[in-house]
Amino acid sequence: MEGVKKTDLGFAPSKVLNWKENIVVLGVDGEIAILDSTLEQIQPKVTPFPCKITHACIVDDQLIATWLDYDILIGRMASLPLTQHLSDGPLKSEVRKSTTFSATDLHPHGNS
């Protein structure tokens, strides 16, 4: 389509949320990217969640999200500050292999 801007996120999006004049894109495997109004990435893709984000909303400047892994019956909820740099969390394979993860190890880094 002519005149339509394409942005390569590096992942398949599953949900898009508005945040101020920006766009928060959630991916099918727990990825997050933040874009400005021209669809340029403000922050590169990160994967703070080991699984698909099942529910999410933005309150003030916080992304509040949950993830669930139905196969191993683990899920968590976290609040991530969108005004700070987001970082990667545990991989799905690490969560599935290890039974020694503490509750805090399963949460994304920098969450509250």
Protein backbone atom coordinates (compact mmCIF):
# COMPACT_ATOMS: atom_id res chain seq x y z
CA MET A 1 0.00 0.00 0.00
CA GLU A 2 1.42 3.31 -1.01
CA GLY A 3 1.75 5.94 1.70
CA VAL A 4 1.50 3.43 4.57
CA LYS A 5 4.48 3.33 6.89
CA LYS A 6 5.79 -0.11 7.79
CA THR A 7 7.70 -0.74 10.99
CA ASP A 8 9.67 -3.93 11.60
CA LEU A 9 9.14 -4.71 15.27
CA GLY A 10 11.08 -7.96 15.21
CA PHE A 11 8.08 -9.86 16.59
CA ALA A 12 4.43 -10.61 15.87
CA PRO A 13 2.17 -8.15 17.71
CA SER A 14 -0.82 -9.37 19.67
CA LYS A 15 -2.06 -6.13 21.24
CA VAL A 16 -1.59 -2.38 20.86
CA LEU A 17 -2.12 0.11 23.69
CA ASN A 18 -2.11 3.91 23.56
CA TRP A 19 0.16 5.71 26.00
CA LYS A 20 0.22 9.50 25.85
CA GLU A 21 1.25 10.23 22.23
CA ASN A 22 3.00 6.85 22.00
CA ILE A 23 2.06 3.29 21.18
CA VAL A 24 2.93 0.26 23.31
CA VAL A 25 2.97 -2.93 21.25
CA LEU A 26 2.74 -6.32 23.00
CA GLY A 27 3.95 -9.47 21.25
CA VAL A 28 2.79 -13.06 21.13
CA ASP A 29 5.76 -14.26 23.21
CA GLY A 30 5.86 -11.56 25.91
CA GLU A 31 7.68 -8.87 23.92
CA ILE A 32 7.13 -5.13 24.35
CA ALA A 33 8.09 -2.27 22.04
CA ILE A 34 7.31 1.41 22.49
CA LEU A 35 6.76 3.51 19.38
CA ASP A 36 6.23 7.22 18.92
CA SER A 37 3.37 8.69 16.88
CA THR A 38 5.41 8.31 13.66
CA LEU A 39 5.90 4.57 14.40
CA GLU A 40 9.60 4.97 15.19
CA GLN A 41 10.82 2.85 18.09
CA ILE A 42 11.48 4.86 21.24
CA GLN A 43 12.84 1.78 22.92
CA PRO A 44 14.02 -1.40 21.20
CA LYS A 45 12.10 -4.61 21.70
CA VAL A 46 12.48 -6.29 25.08
CA THR A 47 10.95 -9.49 26.42
CA PRO A 48 10.23 -8.97 30.11
CA PHE A 49 7.64 -11.75 30.24
CA PRO A 50 8.37 -15.43 29.49
CA CYS A 51 4.95 -16.00 27.89
CA LYS A 52 2.25 -14.12 26.05
CA ILE A 53 0.86 -11.19 28.01
CA THR A 54 -2.73 -12.26 28.62
CA HIS A 55 -4.14 -9.01 29.99
CA ALA A 56 -2.69 -5.51 30.02
CA CYS A 57 -3.63 -1.91 30.59
CA ILE A 58 -1.82 1.36 31.17
CA VAL A 59 -2.56 3.39 34.30
CA ASP A 60 -0.68 6.67 34.61
CA ASP A 61 2.78 5.69 33.32
CA GLN A 62 2.62 2.04 34.40
CA LEU A 63 2.01 -0.99 32.19
CA ILE A 64 0.06 -3.42 34.34
CA ALA A 65 0.14 -6.87 32.78
CA THR A 66 -0.36 -10.55 33.51
CA TRP A 67 1.06 -13.67 31.92
CA LEU A 68 -0.06 -17.26 32.30
CA ASP A 69 1.56 -20.51 31.25
CA TYR A 70 -1.28 -23.02 31.24
CA ASP A 71 1.03 -26.00 30.66
CA ILE A 72 2.97 -25.60 33.90
CA LEU A 73 0.29 -23.66 35.78
CA ILE A 74 2.35 -20.56 36.53
CA GLY A 75 1.24 -16.97 36.15
CA ARG A 76 2.24 -13.56 37.41
CA MET A 77 1.11 -9.95 37.42
CA ALA A 78 3.50 -7.01 37.27
CA SER A 79 3.53 -3.24 36.96
CA LEU A 80 6.29 -1.84 34.74
CA PRO A 81 7.18 1.87 34.63
CA LEU A 82 7.00 2.97 30.99
CA THR A 83 9.08 6.06 31.75
CA GLN A 84 12.11 3.87 32.49
CA HIS A 85 14.10 1.54 30.24
CA LEU A 86 12.46 -1.90 30.21
CA SER A 87 14.67 -4.99 30.29
CA ASP A 88 14.45 -8.67 29.47
CA GLY A 89 13.15 -11.14 32.03
CA PRO A 90 13.47 -14.92 32.33
CA LEU A 91 13.07 -17.03 29.20
CA LYS A 92 10.16 -19.44 28.90
CA SER A 93 12.60 -22.37 28.67
CA GLU A 94 14.28 -21.28 31.92
CA VAL A 95 10.95 -21.04 33.72
CA ARG A 96 9.87 -24.48 32.50
CA LYS A 97 13.18 -26.20 33.32
CA SER A 98 13.66 -24.81 36.78
CA THR A 99 11.61 -25.51 39.85
CA THR A 100 13.97 -23.40 41.96
CA PHE A 101 12.77 -20.00 40.75
CA SER A 102 11.65 -17.78 43.59
CA ALA A 103 8.53 -15.66 43.13
CA THR A 104 10.62 -12.59 42.38
CA ASP A 105 12.69 -14.41 39.72
CA LEU A 106 9.53 -14.94 37.66
CA HIS A 107 8.66 -11.25 37.57
CA PRO A 108 10.06 -8.88 34.96
CA HIS A 109 13.11 -6.86 36.02
CA GLY A 110 12.21 -3.42 37.37
CA ASN A 111 8.62 -4.30 38.22
CA SER A 112 6.67 -3.16 41.23
